[in-house]
Structure formats: C-alpha cells, structure tokens
Amino acid sequence: MKLAGKKVIVLGERDGVQGTALSECVKAAGGEVVLTVNQCFV
C-alpha cells in the first residue's frame, strides 16, 4: 500500500494488534501518523 504523503489515524486494539505496531508499519510505508490510539473492543 502506498501511503507516501498521506496522514493516518491508527486505531489499535489492546488485546489484538497494538496501535504502536500499526504506526510503525504506516511509517515504513511512507505515511505520517497523526494519532495513535489503543482501545479495548469487547
């Protein structure tokens, strides 16, 4: 996925994939993370 030049909001799950891990993937793809949040979806 090409995210170069895109601003991204990351929603992670506490018991699943963490927002910090998703943020690193977005940065590696060239995107800019503007907000990272971890939630508990039950």
N, C-alpha and C. Protein backbone atom coordinates (compact mmCIF):
# COMPACT_ATOMS: atom_id res chain seq x y z
N MET A 1 0.85 -1.17 0.00
CA MET A 1 0.00 0.00 0.00
C MET A 1 0.90 1.23 0.00
N LYS A 2 0.62 2.17 -0.84
CA LYS A 2 1.41 3.39 -0.91
C LYS A 2 0.77 4.46 -0.03
N LEU A 3 1.47 4.84 1.01
CA LEU A 3 0.96 5.84 1.94
C LEU A 3 1.80 7.12 1.93
N ALA A 4 2.72 7.22 1.00
CA ALA A 4 3.59 8.39 0.94
C ALA A 4 2.76 9.67 0.81
N GLY A 5 2.99 10.60 1.74
CA GLY A 5 2.29 11.87 1.71
C GLY A 5 0.91 11.85 2.34
N LYS A 6 0.50 10.72 2.88
CA LYS A 6 -0.82 10.60 3.49
C LYS A 6 -0.72 10.76 5.01
N LYS A 7 -1.74 11.34 5.62
CA LYS A 7 -1.84 11.44 7.07
C LYS A 7 -2.78 10.32 7.53
N VAL A 8 -2.39 9.62 8.60
CA VAL A 8 -3.11 8.42 9.02
C VAL A 8 -3.45 8.49 10.50
N ILE A 9 -4.66 8.07 10.85
CA ILE A 9 -5.07 7.87 12.23
C ILE A 9 -5.08 6.37 12.46
N VAL A 10 -4.38 5.91 13.50
CA VAL A 10 -4.23 4.49 13.77
C VAL A 10 -5.07 4.11 14.98
N LEU A 11 -5.94 3.11 14.81
CA LEU A 11 -6.74 2.56 15.90
C LEU A 11 -6.27 1.14 16.17
N GLY A 12 -5.64 0.94 17.32
CA GLY A 12 -5.17 -0.38 17.70
C GLY A 12 -6.07 -0.99 18.75
N GLU A 13 -5.91 -2.28 18.97
CA GLU A 13 -6.70 -2.99 19.97
C GLU A 13 -5.78 -3.46 21.08
N ARG A 14 -6.25 -3.34 22.30
CA ARG A 14 -5.43 -3.67 23.46
C ARG A 14 -5.01 -5.14 23.44
N ASP A 15 -5.93 -6.07 23.14
CA ASP A 15 -5.64 -7.49 23.16
C ASP A 15 -5.28 -8.04 21.78
N GLY A 16 -5.33 -7.21 20.77
CA GLY A 16 -5.01 -7.63 19.41
C GLY A 16 -3.74 -6.95 18.93
N VAL A 17 -3.81 -6.35 17.77
CA VAL A 17 -2.65 -5.64 17.21
C VAL A 17 -2.59 -4.25 17.84
N GLN A 18 -1.49 -3.96 18.49
CA GLN A 18 -1.30 -2.68 19.18
C GLN A 18 -1.16 -1.54 18.17
N GLY A 19 -1.62 -0.37 18.57
CA GLY A 19 -1.52 0.81 17.73
C GLY A 19 -0.09 1.19 17.41
N THR A 20 0.81 0.95 18.36
CA THR A 20 2.23 1.29 18.12
C THR A 20 2.82 0.44 17.01
N ALA A 21 2.42 -0.83 16.94
CA ALA A 21 2.92 -1.71 15.86
C ALA A 21 2.36 -1.25 14.52
N LEU A 22 1.08 -0.89 14.50
CA LEU A 22 0.48 -0.40 13.25
C LEU A 22 1.12 0.91 12.81
N SER A 23 1.45 1.76 13.78
CA SER A 23 2.09 3.04 13.47
C SER A 23 3.44 2.83 12.78
N GLU A 24 4.19 1.86 13.27
CA GLU A 24 5.49 1.57 12.65
C GLU A 24 5.33 1.07 11.22
N CYS A 25 4.29 0.29 10.97
CA CYS A 25 4.02 -0.19 9.61
C CYS A 25 3.66 0.97 8.69
N VAL A 26 2.85 1.89 9.20
CA VAL A 26 2.45 3.06 8.40
C VAL A 26 3.67 3.91 8.08
N LYS A 27 4.53 4.14 9.07
CA LYS A 27 5.75 4.93 8.85
C LYS A 27 6.66 4.26 7.83
N ALA A 28 6.76 2.93 7.90
CA ALA A 28 7.61 2.20 6.95
C ALA A 28 7.05 2.31 5.52
N ALA A 29 5.73 2.48 5.40
CA ALA A 29 5.10 2.62 4.09
C ALA A 29 5.10 4.06 3.60
N GLY A 30 5.67 4.97 4.40
CA GLY A 30 5.81 6.36 3.97
C GLY A 30 4.71 7.28 4.46
N GLY A 31 3.81 6.79 5.30
CA GLY A 31 2.72 7.62 5.81
C GLY A 31 3.13 8.41 7.04
N GLU A 32 2.33 9.41 7.37
CA GLU A 32 2.57 10.23 8.56
C GLU A 32 1.46 9.93 9.56
N VAL A 33 1.82 9.42 10.73
CA VAL A 33 0.85 9.10 11.77
C VAL A 33 0.56 10.38 12.57
N VAL A 34 -0.71 10.78 12.58
CA VAL A 34 -1.09 11.99 13.31
C VAL A 34 -1.72 11.65 14.66
N LEU A 35 -2.23 10.42 14.81
CA LEU A 35 -2.85 10.00 16.07
C LEU A 35 -2.79 8.49 16.17
N THR A 36 -2.35 7.99 17.34
CA THR A 36 -2.35 6.56 17.62
C THR A 36 -3.14 6.33 18.90
N VAL A 37 -4.13 5.43 18.82
CA VAL A 37 -4.99 5.15 19.96
C VAL A 37 -5.15 3.64 20.11
N ASN A 38 -5.05 3.15 21.35
CA ASN A 38 -5.37 1.76 21.66
C ASN A 38 -6.70 1.72 22.39
N GLN A 39 -7.59 0.86 21.96
CA GLN A 39 -8.90 0.71 22.58
C GLN A 39 -9.12 -0.74 22.95
N CYS A 40 -10.09 -0.98 23.80
CA CYS A 40 -10.50 -2.34 24.15
C CYS A 40 -11.87 -2.55 23.53
N PHE A 41 -11.93 -3.32 22.45
CA PHE A 41 -13.19 -3.59 21.77
C PHE A 41 -13.75 -4.89 22.30
N VAL A 42 -14.87 -4.81 23.02
CA VAL A 42 -15.46 -6.00 23.62
C VAL A 42 -16.83 -6.22 23.02
